[in-house]
Amino acid sequence: MQTQAGNITGKRQPNSKYCFICGMENPIGLHLHIYETAPGDVQSTYTAPEHFQGYPGVLHGGIVGAIIDEISGRAHMGSDPLNPRFMFTAKMDVKYRKNVPIGKPLKIIGKSGRLRTKSA
């Protein structure tokens, strides 16, 4: 089933209740809705609130890393609720190239690469 959220059209991936990134019942989480827009491609949108800033006006790097971690794993997960491919991050190396602003809408895109194991 295709759904549309904002300007994203795709199949919504399942959420965990208390996941920090996607958990709708996590009171301090980010509450991202993640959509598979094509096989191996996912998208979401997010506007970071002020309480997640590091430096004034800048999203904390740990939050940015957590979003990257989630989106990269979700690109490999697929959208079949009966057969999700849950994964874990074995290693993550992030090179931050620009500050990520708070208070501005972000479009987050993940694309899967070659999958070798159950780690993303």
N, C-alpha and C. Protein backbone atom coordinates (compact mmCIF):
# COMPACT_ATOMS: atom_id res chain seq x y z
N MET A 1 0.84 -1.17 0.00
CA MET A 1 0.00 0.00 0.00
C MET A 1 0.89 1.25 0.00
N GLN A 2 0.68 2.11 -0.98
CA GLN A 2 1.42 3.36 -1.08
C GLN A 2 0.73 4.40 -0.21
N THR A 3 1.51 5.14 0.53
CA THR A 3 0.97 6.25 1.31
C THR A 3 1.76 7.49 0.98
N GLN A 4 1.20 8.63 1.30
CA GLN A 4 1.90 9.89 1.05
C GLN A 4 1.93 10.69 2.34
N ALA A 5 3.11 11.16 2.69
CA ALA A 5 3.30 12.00 3.87
C ALA A 5 4.10 13.22 3.43
N GLY A 6 3.47 14.38 3.51
CA GLY A 6 4.17 15.57 3.03
C GLY A 6 4.45 15.40 1.56
N ASN A 7 5.70 15.44 1.19
CA ASN A 7 6.06 15.25 -0.22
C ASN A 7 6.72 13.89 -0.46
N ILE A 8 6.55 12.93 0.44
CA ILE A 8 7.13 11.60 0.29
C ILE A 8 6.01 10.62 -0.05
N THR A 9 6.18 9.89 -1.15
CA THR A 9 5.24 8.84 -1.51
C THR A 9 5.99 7.52 -1.44
N GLY A 10 5.44 6.56 -0.71
CA GLY A 10 6.08 5.25 -0.61
C GLY A 10 5.35 4.39 0.39
N LYS A 11 5.95 3.26 0.68
CA LYS A 11 5.38 2.30 1.62
C LYS A 11 5.99 2.55 2.99
N ARG A 12 5.14 2.84 3.96
CA ARG A 12 5.63 3.15 5.30
C ARG A 12 6.20 1.90 5.96
N GLN A 13 7.39 2.05 6.52
CA GLN A 13 8.02 0.94 7.23
C GLN A 13 7.46 0.86 8.65
N PRO A 14 7.49 -0.33 9.24
CA PRO A 14 6.99 -0.48 10.61
C PRO A 14 7.89 0.24 11.62
N ASN A 15 7.30 0.64 12.73
CA ASN A 15 8.03 1.32 13.80
C ASN A 15 8.05 0.43 15.04
N SER A 16 9.08 0.60 15.86
CA SER A 16 9.10 0.00 17.19
C SER A 16 8.49 1.02 18.13
N LYS A 17 7.82 0.56 19.18
CA LYS A 17 7.13 1.48 20.09
C LYS A 17 8.07 2.48 20.76
N TYR A 18 9.24 2.02 21.21
CA TYR A 18 10.10 2.88 22.03
C TYR A 18 11.45 3.20 21.40
N CYS A 19 11.61 2.91 20.12
CA CYS A 19 12.85 3.27 19.44
C CYS A 19 13.07 4.78 19.56
N PHE A 20 14.30 5.20 19.82
CA PHE A 20 14.58 6.63 19.96
C PHE A 20 14.30 7.38 18.67
N ILE A 21 14.57 6.76 17.54
CA ILE A 21 14.39 7.44 16.25
C ILE A 21 12.95 7.35 15.76
N CYS A 22 12.37 6.15 15.75
CA CYS A 22 11.05 5.97 15.12
C CYS A 22 9.92 5.65 16.09
N GLY A 23 10.21 5.48 17.36
CA GLY A 23 9.19 5.07 18.30
C GLY A 23 8.18 6.16 18.60
N MET A 24 6.94 5.91 18.25
CA MET A 24 5.89 6.90 18.45
C MET A 24 5.51 7.04 19.93
N GLU A 25 5.86 6.04 20.75
CA GLU A 25 5.52 6.09 22.17
C GLU A 25 6.71 6.47 23.04
N ASN A 26 7.83 6.83 22.43
CA ASN A 26 9.00 7.28 23.18
C ASN A 26 8.83 8.78 23.43
N PRO A 27 8.64 9.18 24.68
CA PRO A 27 8.35 10.59 24.96
C PRO A 27 9.49 11.54 24.62
N ILE A 28 10.72 11.04 24.53
CA ILE A 28 11.84 11.92 24.20
C ILE A 28 12.43 11.61 22.84
N GLY A 29 11.78 10.74 22.06
CA GLY A 29 12.29 10.32 20.77
C GLY A 29 12.03 11.34 19.66
N LEU A 30 12.52 10.99 18.47
CA LEU A 30 12.39 11.86 17.30
C LEU A 30 11.10 11.63 16.52
N HIS A 31 10.48 10.47 16.67
CA HIS A 31 9.19 10.14 16.05
C HIS A 31 9.21 10.20 14.52
N LEU A 32 10.28 9.70 13.90
CA LEU A 32 10.37 9.70 12.44
C LEU A 32 9.46 8.65 11.83
N HIS A 33 8.77 9.02 10.76
CA HIS A 33 8.04 8.08 9.91
C HIS A 33 8.95 7.83 8.73
N ILE A 34 9.27 6.56 8.46
CA ILE A 34 10.22 6.23 7.41
C ILE A 34 9.49 5.47 6.32
N TYR A 35 9.70 5.89 5.08
CA TYR A 35 9.00 5.32 3.93
C TYR A 35 9.99 4.71 2.95
N GLU A 36 9.65 3.52 2.45
CA GLU A 36 10.42 2.91 1.38
C GLU A 36 9.86 3.47 0.08
N THR A 37 10.66 4.24 -0.64
CA THR A 37 10.21 4.90 -1.87
C THR A 37 10.51 4.07 -3.11
N ALA A 38 11.44 3.15 -2.99
CA ALA A 38 11.80 2.19 -4.03
C ALA A 38 12.57 1.08 -3.31
N PRO A 39 12.71 -0.09 -3.90
CA PRO A 39 13.48 -1.13 -3.21
C PRO A 39 14.89 -0.64 -2.86
N GLY A 40 15.20 -0.67 -1.57
CA GLY A 40 16.51 -0.23 -1.10
C GLY A 40 16.64 1.27 -0.89
N ASP A 41 15.58 2.03 -1.12
CA ASP A 41 15.61 3.48 -0.91
C ASP A 41 14.57 3.86 0.13
N VAL A 42 14.96 4.66 1.13
CA VAL A 42 14.03 5.13 2.15
C VAL A 42 14.16 6.64 2.28
N GLN A 43 13.06 7.25 2.77
CA GLN A 43 13.07 8.69 3.00
C GLN A 43 12.27 9.01 4.24
N SER A 44 12.63 10.12 4.84
CA SER A 44 11.89 10.66 5.97
C SER A 44 12.12 12.17 5.99
N THR A 45 11.33 12.85 6.79
CA THR A 45 11.55 14.28 7.01
C THR A 45 11.61 14.51 8.51
N TYR A 46 12.31 15.57 8.89
CA TYR A 46 12.45 15.86 10.31
C TYR A 46 12.81 17.33 10.48
N THR A 47 12.19 17.95 11.44
CA THR A 47 12.58 19.30 11.86
C THR A 47 13.02 19.20 13.32
N ALA A 48 14.30 19.41 13.54
CA ALA A 48 14.87 19.24 14.88
C ALA A 48 14.45 20.38 15.80
N PRO A 49 13.96 20.04 17.00
CA PRO A 49 13.63 21.08 17.97
C PRO A 49 14.87 21.61 18.67
N GLU A 50 14.72 22.76 19.28
CA GLU A 50 15.83 23.45 19.94
C GLU A 50 16.50 22.61 21.03
N HIS A 51 15.74 21.76 21.73
CA HIS A 51 16.34 21.02 22.84
C HIS A 51 17.30 19.91 22.39
N PHE A 52 17.45 19.68 21.08
CA PHE A 52 18.43 18.72 20.58
C PHE A 52 19.66 19.41 20.00
N GLN A 53 19.83 20.69 20.27
CA GLN A 53 20.98 21.39 19.72
C GLN A 53 22.24 21.11 20.52
N GLY A 54 23.37 21.18 19.83
CA GLY A 54 24.67 21.15 20.48
C GLY A 54 25.07 22.60 20.65
N TYR A 55 25.74 23.13 19.62
CA TYR A 55 26.01 24.57 19.58
C TYR A 55 24.72 25.28 19.20
N PRO A 56 24.59 26.56 19.53
CA PRO A 56 23.36 27.28 19.19
C PRO A 56 23.00 27.16 17.71
N GLY A 57 21.77 26.71 17.46
CA GLY A 57 21.27 26.60 16.09
C GLY A 57 21.72 25.37 15.33
N VAL A 58 22.49 24.49 15.99
CA VAL A 58 23.07 23.32 15.31
C VAL A 58 22.63 22.04 16.01
N LEU A 59 22.12 21.09 15.23
CA LEU A 59 21.71 19.79 15.77
C LEU A 59 22.93 19.06 16.32
N HIS A 60 22.80 18.48 17.50
CA HIS A 60 23.90 17.75 18.14
C HIS A 60 24.37 16.62 17.23
N GLY A 61 25.68 16.45 17.13
CA GLY A 61 26.26 15.42 16.26
C GLY A 61 25.85 14.01 16.62
N GLY A 62 25.59 13.75 17.90
CA GLY A 62 25.13 12.42 18.31
C GLY A 62 23.75 12.11 17.77
N ILE A 63 22.89 13.12 17.69
CA ILE A 63 21.56 12.93 17.12
C ILE A 63 21.69 12.70 15.62
N VAL A 64 22.55 13.48 14.96
CA VAL A 64 22.78 13.29 13.52
C VAL A 64 23.28 11.86 13.27
N GLY A 65 24.22 11.39 14.08
CA GLY A 65 24.74 10.03 13.92
C GLY A 65 23.66 8.98 14.13
N ALA A 66 22.78 9.20 15.10
CA ALA A 66 21.69 8.25 15.35
C ALA A 66 20.73 8.20 14.17
N ILE A 67 20.44 9.34 13.56
CA ILE A 67 19.57 9.37 12.38
C ILE A 67 20.23 8.63 11.22
N ILE A 68 21.50 8.88 11.00
CA ILE A 68 22.24 8.19 9.92
C ILE A 68 22.22 6.68 10.16
N ASP A 69 22.45 6.27 11.39
CA ASP A 69 22.44 4.85 11.75
C ASP A 69 21.09 4.22 11.41
N GLU A 70 20.00 4.87 11.82
CA GLU A 70 18.66 4.33 11.59
C GLU A 70 18.33 4.26 10.10
N ILE A 71 18.58 5.34 9.39
CA ILE A 71 18.23 5.40 7.97
C ILE A 71 19.05 4.41 7.16
N SER A 72 20.32 4.24 7.48
CA SER A 72 21.13 3.27 6.72
C SER A 72 20.65 1.84 6.95
N GLY A 73 20.28 1.52 8.19
CA GLY A 73 19.74 0.19 8.46
C GLY A 73 18.38 -0.01 7.81
N ARG A 74 17.55 1.03 7.83
CA ARG A 74 16.21 0.93 7.24
C ARG A 74 16.26 0.75 5.73
N ALA A 75 17.27 1.30 5.07
CA ALA A 75 17.40 1.12 3.63
C ALA A 75 17.54 -0.36 3.28
N HIS A 76 18.15 -1.13 4.17
CA HIS A 76 18.32 -2.57 3.96
C HIS A 76 17.15 -3.39 4.50
N MET A 77 16.34 -2.79 5.36
CA MET A 77 15.30 -3.55 6.07
C MET A 77 14.16 -4.00 5.19
N GLY A 78 13.72 -3.20 4.26
CA GLY A 78 12.54 -3.51 3.48
C GLY A 78 11.29 -3.07 4.22
N SER A 79 10.13 -3.25 3.58
CA SER A 79 8.90 -2.76 4.17
C SER A 79 7.85 -3.84 4.39
N ASP A 80 8.24 -5.11 4.27
CA ASP A 80 7.29 -6.20 4.49
C ASP A 80 7.13 -6.43 5.99
N PRO A 81 5.96 -6.08 6.58
CA PRO A 81 5.79 -6.25 8.03
C PRO A 81 5.84 -7.71 8.47
N LEU A 82 5.64 -8.64 7.55
CA LEU A 82 5.70 -10.06 7.88
C LEU A 82 7.12 -10.62 7.79
N ASN A 83 7.99 -9.87 7.13
CA ASN A 83 9.37 -10.36 6.96
C ASN A 83 10.37 -9.20 7.01
N PRO A 84 10.40 -8.45 8.12
CA PRO A 84 11.39 -7.36 8.19
C PRO A 84 12.79 -7.94 8.39
N ARG A 85 13.76 -7.30 7.79
CA ARG A 85 15.16 -7.72 7.95
C ARG A 85 15.81 -6.79 8.97
N PHE A 86 15.63 -7.12 10.26
CA PHE A 86 16.23 -6.29 11.30
C PHE A 86 17.73 -6.48 11.32
N MET A 87 18.45 -5.40 11.52
CA MET A 87 19.90 -5.42 11.46
C MET A 87 20.48 -4.64 12.63
N PHE A 88 21.77 -4.69 12.74
CA PHE A 88 22.47 -3.86 13.71
C PHE A 88 23.68 -3.27 13.01
N THR A 89 24.15 -2.17 13.53
CA THR A 89 25.32 -1.51 12.95
C THR A 89 26.57 -2.10 13.58
N ALA A 90 27.40 -2.71 12.76
CA ALA A 90 28.63 -3.31 13.25
C ALA A 90 29.73 -2.25 13.42
N LYS A 91 29.74 -1.29 12.52
CA LYS A 91 30.75 -0.23 12.59
C LYS A 91 30.19 0.99 11.89
N MET A 92 30.45 2.14 12.47
CA MET A 92 29.98 3.37 11.85
C MET A 92 31.07 4.42 11.96
N ASP A 93 31.39 5.02 10.84
CA ASP A 93 32.39 6.07 10.77
C ASP A 93 31.74 7.25 10.04
N VAL A 94 31.57 8.36 10.72
CA VAL A 94 30.88 9.51 10.15
C VAL A 94 31.86 10.65 9.97
N LYS A 95 31.89 11.20 8.78
CA LYS A 95 32.66 12.42 8.53
C LYS A 95 31.65 13.54 8.34
N TYR A 96 31.55 14.40 9.32
CA TYR A 96 30.60 15.51 9.27
C TYR A 96 31.16 16.58 8.34
N ARG A 97 30.38 16.94 7.32
CA ARG A 97 30.84 17.92 6.35
C ARG A 97 30.25 19.31 6.55
N LYS A 98 29.04 19.36 7.14
CA LYS A 98 28.37 20.64 7.38
C LYS A 98 27.57 20.54 8.66
N ASN A 99 27.32 21.67 9.28
CA ASN A 99 26.42 21.70 10.43
C ASN A 99 25.00 21.40 9.95
N VAL A 100 24.22 20.72 10.78
CA VAL A 100 22.82 20.44 10.48
C VAL A 100 22.00 21.41 11.33
N PRO A 101 21.17 22.23 10.69
CA PRO A 101 20.44 23.26 11.43
C PRO A 101 19.25 22.69 12.21
N ILE A 102 18.93 23.32 13.30
CA ILE A 102 17.69 23.00 14.01
C ILE A 102 16.61 23.95 13.50
N GLY A 103 15.35 23.53 13.65
CA GLY A 103 14.24 24.39 13.28
C GLY A 103 13.95 24.49 11.80
N LYS A 104 14.67 23.75 10.96
CA LYS A 104 14.45 23.78 9.51
C LYS A 104 14.14 22.36 9.05
N PRO A 105 13.17 22.22 8.13
CA PRO A 105 12.82 20.87 7.65
C PRO A 105 14.00 20.21 6.94
N LEU A 106 14.27 18.96 7.31
CA LEU A 106 15.33 18.17 6.69
C LEU A 106 14.69 17.04 5.91
N LYS A 107 15.22 16.75 4.74
CA LYS A 107 14.82 15.57 3.98
C LYS A 107 15.94 14.56 4.15
N ILE A 108 15.61 13.40 4.69
CA ILE A 108 16.60 12.38 5.01
C ILE A 108 16.42 11.23 4.03
N ILE A 109 17.48 10.87 3.32
CA ILE A 109 17.42 9.84 2.28
C ILE A 109 18.46 8.77 2.58
N GLY A 110 18.03 7.51 2.51
CA GLY A 110 18.94 6.38 2.67
C GLY A 110 18.86 5.47 1.46
N LYS A 111 20.01 5.02 0.98
CA LYS A 111 20.07 4.09 -0.16
C LYS A 111 20.94 2.91 0.24
N SER A 112 20.42 1.71 -0.02
CA SER A 112 21.18 0.52 0.37
C SER A 112 22.33 0.28 -0.59
N GLY A 113 23.38 -0.25 -0.03
CA GLY A 113 24.51 -0.70 -0.83
C GLY A 113 24.45 -2.21 -0.91
N ARG A 114 25.56 -2.82 -1.13
CA ARG A 114 25.61 -4.27 -1.20
C ARG A 114 25.54 -4.84 0.21
N LEU A 115 24.68 -5.81 0.42
CA LEU A 115 24.47 -6.41 1.73
C LEU A 115 25.23 -7.72 1.82
N ARG A 116 26.10 -7.84 2.84
CA ARG A 116 26.90 -9.05 2.99
C ARG A 116 26.45 -9.90 4.17
N THR A 117 26.01 -9.26 5.23
CA THR A 117 25.62 -9.99 6.45
C THR A 117 24.40 -9.34 7.06
N LYS A 118 24.12 -9.66 8.31
CA LYS A 118 22.98 -9.05 9.01
C LYS A 118 23.36 -7.73 9.67
N SER A 119 24.53 -7.22 9.37
CA SER A 119 24.90 -5.91 9.91
C SER A 119 24.89 -4.90 8.76
N ALA A 120 24.45 -3.70 9.07
CA ALA A 120 24.35 -2.66 8.03
C ALA A 120 25.64 -1.85 7.98
